[in-house]
Every structure is written in C-alpha cells, then in structure tokens.
Amino acid sequence: MTITKLKNKLLLFNSDLSFNKRLGLPIEVFCPQKQEPIAFGRIERYNEDAVFINGKKYDREKFIFFGCQKSA
C-alpha cells in the first residue's frame, strides 16, 4: 500500500480545514521549532485554537498545517 502526501498549500483558514475534513483528506502538521513534520492524518475536529489529529491536539499558533486548499 502506498501513502501519498497531498501537501501543496498552507491551511490557514477554517474554510481550508473544513474542506479537508469534509473530504477526509489527510493533512501534515509541521513543527517550526524542530523543523520537521510531526503528524500526518485526517482531521478529527478543529476550533479557533487547535486542530485534532490522531487523538492529539495541535495548537494553531504553534504549528503549520499543510494540505489541499479549495480552488477559488
């Protein structure tokens, strides 16, 4: 089985996160302090402060989220 990462855009807005969650697309969580990705998976839920992936909470102010953005 091959896993393909779809990380072509920053996910900054709730609409971007909603798009990925609704379609079940995985996103990547990148840690700027460690300079490496720390998580990859589907969004379980999100709010203004955090995104929850694989049962863990990732603060939106501390991490960078990559995934697919909805086309305009």
PDB file of N, CA and C in Angstrom:
ATOM      1  N   MET A   1       0.846  -1.182   0.000  1.00  0.00           N
ATOM      2  CA  MET A   1       0.000   0.000   0.000  1.00  0.00           C
ATOM      3  C   MET A   1       0.884   1.235   0.000  1.00  0.00           C
ATOM      4  N   THR A   2       0.562   2.178  -0.842  1.00  0.00           N
ATOM      5  CA  THR A   2       1.326   3.407  -0.955  1.00  0.00           C
ATOM      6  C   THR A   2       0.531   4.561  -0.374  1.00  0.00           C
ATOM      7  N   ILE A   3       1.184   5.367   0.451  1.00  0.00           N
ATOM      8  CA  ILE A   3       0.551   6.558   1.014  1.00  0.00           C
ATOM      9  C   ILE A   3       1.120   7.762   0.287  1.00  0.00           C
ATOM     10  N   THR A   4       0.247   8.574  -0.265  1.00  0.00           N
ATOM     11  CA  THR A   4       0.660   9.763  -0.980  1.00  0.00           C
ATOM     12  C   THR A   4       0.302  10.986  -0.153  1.00  0.00           C
ATOM     13  N   LYS A   5       1.282  11.838   0.110  1.00  0.00           N
ATOM     14  CA  LYS A   5       1.025  13.058   0.853  1.00  0.00           C
ATOM     15  C   LYS A   5       0.583  14.146  -0.112  1.00  0.00           C
ATOM     16  N   LEU A   6      -0.505  14.813   0.233  1.00  0.00           N
ATOM     17  CA  LEU A   6      -1.002  15.922  -0.560  1.00  0.00           C
ATOM     18  C   LEU A   6      -0.706  17.208   0.192  1.00  0.00           C
ATOM     19  N   LYS A   7       0.512  17.684   0.106  1.00  0.00           N
ATOM     20  CA  LYS A   7       0.865  18.885   0.853  1.00  0.00           C
ATOM     21  C   LYS A   7       1.335  19.964  -0.101  1.00  0.00           C
ATOM     22  N   ASN A   8       0.360  20.633  -0.655  1.00  0.00           N
ATOM     23  CA  ASN A   8       0.730  21.658  -1.600  1.00  0.00           C
ATOM     24  C   ASN A   8       0.329  23.057  -1.152  1.00  0.00           C
ATOM     25  N   LYS A   9      -0.399  23.185  -0.065  1.00  0.00           N
ATOM     26  CA  LYS A   9      -0.846  24.502   0.386  1.00  0.00           C
ATOM     27  C   LYS A   9      -0.877  24.585   1.897  1.00  0.00           C
ATOM     28  N   LEU A  10      -0.668  25.797   2.394  1.00  0.00           N
ATOM     29  CA  LEU A  10      -0.844  26.054   3.821  1.00  0.00           C
ATOM     30  C   LEU A  10      -2.331  26.114   4.128  1.00  0.00           C
ATOM     31  N   LEU A  11      -2.721  25.557   5.238  1.00  0.00           N
ATOM     32  CA  LEU A  11      -4.117  25.609   5.666  1.00  0.00           C
ATOM     33  C   LEU A  11      -4.231  26.643   6.778  1.00  0.00           C
ATOM     34  N   LEU A  12      -4.646  27.835   6.407  1.00  0.00           N
ATOM     35  CA  LEU A  12      -4.685  28.929   7.361  1.00  0.00           C
ATOM     36  C   LEU A  12      -6.075  29.241   7.882  1.00  0.00           C
ATOM     37  N   PHE A  13      -7.071  29.006   7.072  1.00  0.00           N
ATOM     38  CA  PHE A  13      -8.419  29.433   7.415  1.00  0.00           C
ATOM     39  C   PHE A  13      -9.314  28.246   7.753  1.00  0.00           C
ATOM     40  N   ASN A  14     -10.400  28.528   8.478  1.00  0.00           N
ATOM     41  CA  ASN A  14     -11.363  27.482   8.812  1.00  0.00           C
ATOM     42  C   ASN A  14     -11.944  26.846   7.555  1.00  0.00           C
ATOM     43  N   SER A  15     -12.111  27.628   6.494  1.00  0.00           N
ATOM     44  CA  SER A  15     -12.656  27.076   5.251  1.00  0.00           C
ATOM     45  C   SER A  15     -11.712  26.036   4.651  1.00  0.00           C
ATOM     46  N   ASP A  16     -10.397  26.245   4.779  1.00  0.00           N
ATOM     47  CA  ASP A  16      -9.415  25.276   4.286  1.00  0.00           C
ATOM     48  C   ASP A  16      -9.472  23.986   5.101  1.00  0.00           C
ATOM     49  N   LEU A  17      -9.542  24.119   6.417  1.00  0.00           N
ATOM     50  CA  LEU A  17      -9.629  22.951   7.285  1.00  0.00           C
ATOM     51  C   LEU A  17     -10.941  22.204   7.063  1.00  0.00           C
ATOM     52  N   SER A  18     -12.024  22.951   6.901  1.00  0.00           N
ATOM     53  CA  SER A  18     -13.336  22.349   6.667  1.00  0.00           C
ATOM     54  C   SER A  18     -13.340  21.542   5.369  1.00  0.00           C
ATOM     55  N   PHE A  19     -12.726  22.070   4.328  1.00  0.00           N
ATOM     56  CA  PHE A  19     -12.643  21.385   3.035  1.00  0.00           C
ATOM     57  C   PHE A  19     -11.934  20.042   3.182  1.00  0.00           C
ATOM     58  N   ASN A  20     -10.792  20.028   3.852  1.00  0.00           N
ATOM     59  CA  ASN A  20     -10.026  18.799   4.044  1.00  0.00           C
ATOM     60  C   ASN A  20     -10.772  17.810   4.931  1.00  0.00           C
ATOM     61  N   LYS A  21     -11.418  18.308   5.982  1.00  0.00           N
ATOM     62  CA  LYS A  21     -12.165  17.429   6.888  1.00  0.00           C
ATOM     63  C   LYS A  21     -13.363  16.814   6.177  1.00  0.00           C
ATOM     64  N   ARG A  22     -14.099  17.625   5.435  1.00  0.00           N
ATOM     65  CA  ARG A  22     -15.298  17.159   4.748  1.00  0.00           C
ATOM     66  C   ARG A  22     -14.977  16.065   3.726  1.00  0.00           C
ATOM     67  N   LEU A  23     -13.853  16.212   3.015  1.00  0.00           N
ATOM     68  CA  LEU A  23     -13.463  15.222   2.015  1.00  0.00           C
ATOM     69  C   LEU A  23     -12.653  14.066   2.604  1.00  0.00           C
ATOM     70  N   GLY A  24     -12.278  14.173   3.876  1.00  0.00           N
ATOM     71  CA  GLY A  24     -11.495  13.116   4.512  1.00  0.00           C
ATOM     72  C   GLY A  24     -10.050  13.086   4.064  1.00  0.00           C
ATOM     73  N   LEU A  25      -9.557  14.233   3.601  1.00  0.00           N
ATOM     74  CA  LEU A  25      -8.173  14.309   3.132  1.00  0.00           C
ATOM     75  C   LEU A  25      -7.209  14.447   4.310  1.00  0.00           C
ATOM     76  N   PRO A  26      -6.102  13.759   4.278  1.00  0.00           N
ATOM     77  CA  PRO A  26      -5.123  13.901   5.359  1.00  0.00           C
ATOM     78  C   PRO A  26      -4.368  15.225   5.240  1.00  0.00           C
ATOM     79  N   ILE A  27      -3.900  15.700   6.374  1.00  0.00           N
ATOM     80  CA  ILE A  27      -3.053  16.896   6.390  1.00  0.00           C
ATOM     81  C   ILE A  27      -1.775  16.569   7.156  1.00  0.00           C
ATOM     82  N   GLU A  28      -0.777  17.413   6.964  1.00  0.00           N
ATOM     83  CA  GLU A  28       0.501  17.244   7.656  1.00  0.00           C
ATOM     84  C   GLU A  28       0.681  18.370   8.650  1.00  0.00           C
ATOM     85  N   VAL A  29       1.153  18.032   9.839  1.00  0.00           N
ATOM     86  CA  VAL A  29       1.440  19.006  10.885  1.00  0.00           C
ATOM     87  C   VAL A  29       2.956  19.179  10.931  1.00  0.00           C
ATOM     88  N   PHE A  30       3.411  20.406  10.740  1.00  0.00           N
ATOM     89  CA  PHE A  30       4.839  20.711  10.717  1.00  0.00           C
ATOM     90  C   PHE A  30       5.194  21.549  11.932  1.00  0.00           C
ATOM     91  N   CYS A  31       6.271  21.169  12.628  1.00  0.00           N
ATOM     92  CA  CYS A  31       6.737  21.907  13.801  1.00  0.00           C
ATOM     93  C   CYS A  31       7.885  22.829  13.391  1.00  0.00           C
ATOM     94  N   PRO A  32       7.691  24.147  13.458  1.00  0.00           N
ATOM     95  CA  PRO A  32       8.761  25.075  13.081  1.00  0.00           C
ATOM     96  C   PRO A  32       9.984  25.014  14.016  1.00  0.00           C
ATOM     97  N   GLN A  33       9.767  24.678  15.284  1.00  0.00           N
ATOM     98  CA  GLN A  33      10.885  24.603  16.217  1.00  0.00           C
ATOM     99  C   GLN A  33      11.805  23.433  15.905  1.00  0.00           C
ATOM    100  N   LYS A  34      11.227  22.275  15.626  1.00  0.00           N
ATOM    101  CA  LYS A  34      12.014  21.083  15.312  1.00  0.00           C
ATOM    102  C   LYS A  34      12.409  21.017  13.841  1.00  0.00           C
ATOM    103  N   GLN A  35      11.758  21.855  13.011  1.00  0.00           N
ATOM    104  CA  GLN A  35      11.990  21.873  11.568  1.00  0.00           C
ATOM    105  C   GLN A  35      11.717  20.524  10.920  1.00  0.00           C
ATOM    106  N   GLU A  36      10.605  19.873  11.350  1.00  0.00           N
ATOM    107  CA  GLU A  36      10.235  18.586  10.773  1.00  0.00           C
ATOM    108  C   GLU A  36       8.748  18.332  10.962  1.00  0.00           C
ATOM    109  N   PRO A  37       8.187  17.499  10.106  1.00  0.00           N
ATOM    110  CA  PRO A  37       6.782  17.124  10.286  1.00  0.00           C
ATOM    111  C   PRO A  37       6.633  16.219  11.505  1.00  0.00           C
ATOM    112  N   ILE A  38       5.555  16.422  12.255  1.00  0.00           N
ATOM    113  CA  ILE A  38       5.383  15.630  13.477  1.00  0.00           C
ATOM    114  C   ILE A  38       4.109  14.793  13.463  1.00  0.00           C
ATOM    115  N   ALA A  39       3.212  15.049  12.505  1.00  0.00           N
ATOM    116  CA  ALA A  39       1.986  14.259  12.429  1.00  0.00           C
ATOM    117  C   ALA A  39       1.439  14.299  11.016  1.00  0.00           C
ATOM    118  N   PHE A  40       0.692  13.251  10.674  1.00  0.00           N
ATOM    119  CA  PHE A  40       0.049  13.157   9.377  1.00  0.00           C
ATOM    120  C   PHE A  40      -1.227  12.354   9.558  1.00  0.00           C
ATOM    121  N   GLY A  41      -2.352  12.914   9.166  1.00  0.00           N
ATOM    122  CA  GLY A  41      -3.600  12.179   9.298  1.00  0.00           C
ATOM    123  C   GLY A  41      -4.803  13.037   9.001  1.00  0.00           C
ATOM    124  N   ARG A  42      -5.962  12.434   9.164  1.00  0.00           N
ATOM    125  CA  ARG A  42      -7.219  13.130   8.916  1.00  0.00           C
ATOM    126  C   ARG A  42      -7.607  13.983  10.113  1.00  0.00           C
ATOM    127  N   ILE A  43      -8.263  15.083   9.833  1.00  0.00           N
ATOM    128  CA  ILE A  43      -8.744  15.983  10.883  1.00  0.00           C
ATOM    129  C   ILE A  43      -9.935  15.344  11.576  1.00  0.00           C
ATOM    130  N   GLU A  44      -9.842  15.188  12.892  1.00  0.00           N
ATOM    131  CA  GLU A  44     -10.968  14.683  13.668  1.00  0.00           C
ATOM    132  C   GLU A  44     -11.934  15.821  13.986  1.00  0.00           C
ATOM    133  N   ARG A  45     -11.366  16.939  14.414  1.00  0.00           N
ATOM    134  CA  ARG A  45     -12.136  18.160  14.663  1.00  0.00           C
ATOM    135  C   ARG A  45     -11.155  19.317  14.772  1.00  0.00           C
ATOM    136  N   TYR A  46     -11.703  20.526  14.756  1.00  0.00           N
ATOM    137  CA  TYR A  46     -10.881  21.723  14.896  1.00  0.00           C
ATOM    138  C   TYR A  46     -11.724  22.836  15.476  1.00  0.00           C
ATOM    139  N   ASN A  47     -11.036  23.835  16.038  1.00  0.00           N
ATOM    140  CA  ASN A  47     -11.700  25.032  16.520  1.00  0.00           C
ATOM    141  C   ASN A  47     -10.764  26.206  16.270  1.00  0.00           C
ATOM    142  N   GLU A  48     -11.058  27.342  16.838  1.00  0.00           N
ATOM    143  CA  GLU A  48     -10.236  28.533  16.606  1.00  0.00           C
ATOM    144  C   GLU A  48      -8.824  28.403  17.164  1.00  0.00           C
ATOM    145  N   ASP A  49      -8.632  27.509  18.135  1.00  0.00           N
ATOM    146  CA  ASP A  49      -7.350  27.390  18.816  1.00  0.00           C
ATOM    147  C   ASP A  49      -6.521  26.179  18.411  1.00  0.00           C
ATOM    148  N   ALA A  50      -7.157  25.098  17.976  1.00  0.00           N
ATOM    149  CA  ALA A  50      -6.418  23.857  17.764  1.00  0.00           C
ATOM    150  C   ALA A  50      -7.050  22.988  16.682  1.00  0.00           C
ATOM    151  N   VAL A  51      -6.220  22.047  16.196  1.00  0.00           N
ATOM    152  CA  VAL A  51      -6.664  21.024  15.265  1.00  0.00           C
ATOM    153  C   VAL A  51      -6.361  19.680  15.921  1.00  0.00           C
ATOM    154  N   PHE A  52      -7.303  18.752  15.869  1.00  0.00           N
ATOM    155  CA  PHE A  52      -7.137  17.447  16.493  1.00  0.00           C
ATOM    156  C   PHE A  52      -6.942  16.394  15.407  1.00  0.00           C
ATOM    157  N   ILE A  53      -5.797  15.704  15.477  1.00  0.00           N
ATOM    158  CA  ILE A  53      -5.448  14.668  14.512  1.00  0.00           C
ATOM    159  C   ILE A  53      -4.921  13.471  15.284  1.00  0.00           C
ATOM    160  N   ASN A  54      -5.427  12.291  14.952  1.00  0.00           N
ATOM    161  CA  ASN A  54      -4.991  11.046  15.600  1.00  0.00           C
ATOM    162  C   ASN A  54      -5.064  11.122  17.123  1.00  0.00           C
ATOM    163  N   GLY A  55      -6.110  11.773  17.635  1.00  0.00           N
ATOM    164  CA  GLY A  55      -6.313  11.862  19.071  1.00  0.00           C
ATOM    165  C   GLY A  55      -5.436  12.870  19.798  1.00  0.00           C
ATOM    166  N   LYS A  56      -4.654  13.651  19.056  1.00  0.00           N
ATOM    167  CA  LYS A  56      -3.783  14.654  19.672  1.00  0.00           C
ATOM    168  C   LYS A  56      -4.197  16.055  19.256  1.00  0.00           C
ATOM    169  N   LYS A  57      -3.945  16.995  20.141  1.00  0.00           N
ATOM    170  CA  LYS A  57      -4.283  18.396  19.914  1.00  0.00           C
ATOM    171  C   LYS A  57      -3.040  19.145  19.446  1.00  0.00           C
ATOM    172  N   TYR A  58      -3.193  19.923  18.368  1.00  0.00           N
ATOM    173  CA  TYR A  58      -2.097  20.734  17.839  1.00  0.00           C
ATOM    174  C   TYR A  58      -2.566  22.182  17.773  1.00  0.00           C
ATOM    175  N   ASP A  59      -1.898  23.058  18.551  1.00  0.00           N
ATOM    176  CA  ASP A  59      -2.271  24.467  18.595  1.00  0.00           C
ATOM    177  C   ASP A  59      -2.021  25.128  17.248  1.00  0.00           C
ATOM    178  N   ARG A  60      -2.989  25.903  16.809  1.00  0.00           N
ATOM    179  CA  ARG A  60      -2.887  26.558  15.504  1.00  0.00           C
ATOM    180  C   ARG A  60      -1.827  27.648  15.488  1.00  0.00           C
ATOM    181  N   GLU A  61      -1.475  28.185  16.648  1.00  0.00           N
ATOM    182  CA  GLU A  61      -0.456  29.225  16.711  1.00  0.00           C
ATOM    183  C   GLU A  61       0.962  28.657  16.735  1.00  0.00           C
ATOM    184  N   LYS A  62       1.118  27.392  17.091  1.00  0.00           N
ATOM    185  CA  LYS A  62       2.451  26.803  17.252  1.00  0.00           C
ATOM    186  C   LYS A  62       2.887  25.918  16.091  1.00  0.00           C
ATOM    187  N   PHE A  63       1.934  25.451  15.283  1.00  0.00           N
ATOM    188  CA  PHE A  63       2.255  24.516  14.217  1.00  0.00           C
ATOM    189  C   PHE A  63       1.766  25.031  12.870  1.00  0.00           C
ATOM    190  N   ILE A  64       2.329  24.480  11.804  1.00  0.00           N
ATOM    191  CA  ILE A  64       1.936  24.816  10.445  1.00  0.00           C
ATOM    192  C   ILE A  64       1.245  23.597   9.854  1.00  0.00           C
ATOM    193  N   PHE A  65       0.124  23.823   9.187  1.00  0.00           N
ATOM    194  CA  PHE A  65      -0.662  22.729   8.625  1.00  0.00           C
ATOM    195  C   PHE A  65      -0.623  22.793   7.103  1.00  0.00           C
ATOM    196  N   PHE A  66      -0.302  21.651   6.483  1.00  0.00           N
ATOM    197  CA  PHE A  66      -0.247  21.558   5.029  1.00  0.00           C
ATOM    198  C   PHE A  66      -1.310  20.596   4.549  1.00  0.00           C
ATOM    199  N   GLY A  67      -1.899  20.892   3.419  1.00  0.00           N
ATOM    200  CA  GLY A  67      -2.889  20.016   2.812  1.00  0.00           C
ATOM    201  C   GLY A  67      -3.366  20.592   1.509  1.00  0.00           C
ATOM    202  N   CYS A  68      -4.562  20.257   1.116  1.00  0.00           N
ATOM    203  CA  CYS A  68      -5.155  20.767  -0.124  1.00  0.00           C
ATOM    204  C   CYS A  68      -6.064  21.943   0.206  1.00  0.00           C
ATOM    205  N   GLN A  69      -6.009  22.944  -0.649  1.00  0.00           N
ATOM    206  CA  GLN A  69      -6.901  24.082  -0.490  1.00  0.00           C
ATOM    207  C   GLN A  69      -7.996  24.015  -1.527  1.00  0.00           C
ATOM    208  N   LYS A  70      -9.150  24.503  -1.151  1.00  0.00           N
ATOM    209  CA  LYS A  70     -10.271  24.578  -2.060  1.00  0.00           C
ATOM    210  C   LYS A  70      -9.951  25.595  -3.151  1.00  0.00           C
ATOM    211  N   SER A  71     -10.181  25.222  -4.389  1.00  0.00           N
ATOM    212  CA  SER A  71      -9.918  26.141  -5.505  1.00  0.00           C
ATOM    213  C   SER A  71     -10.973  27.230  -5.538  1.00  0.00           C
ATOM    214  N   ALA A  72     -10.530  28.411  -5.898  1.00  0.00           N
ATOM    215  CA  ALA A  72     -11.460  29.548  -5.942  1.00  0.00           C
ATOM    216  C   ALA A  72     -12.327  29.523  -7.172  1.00  0.00           C
TER     217      ALA A  72
END
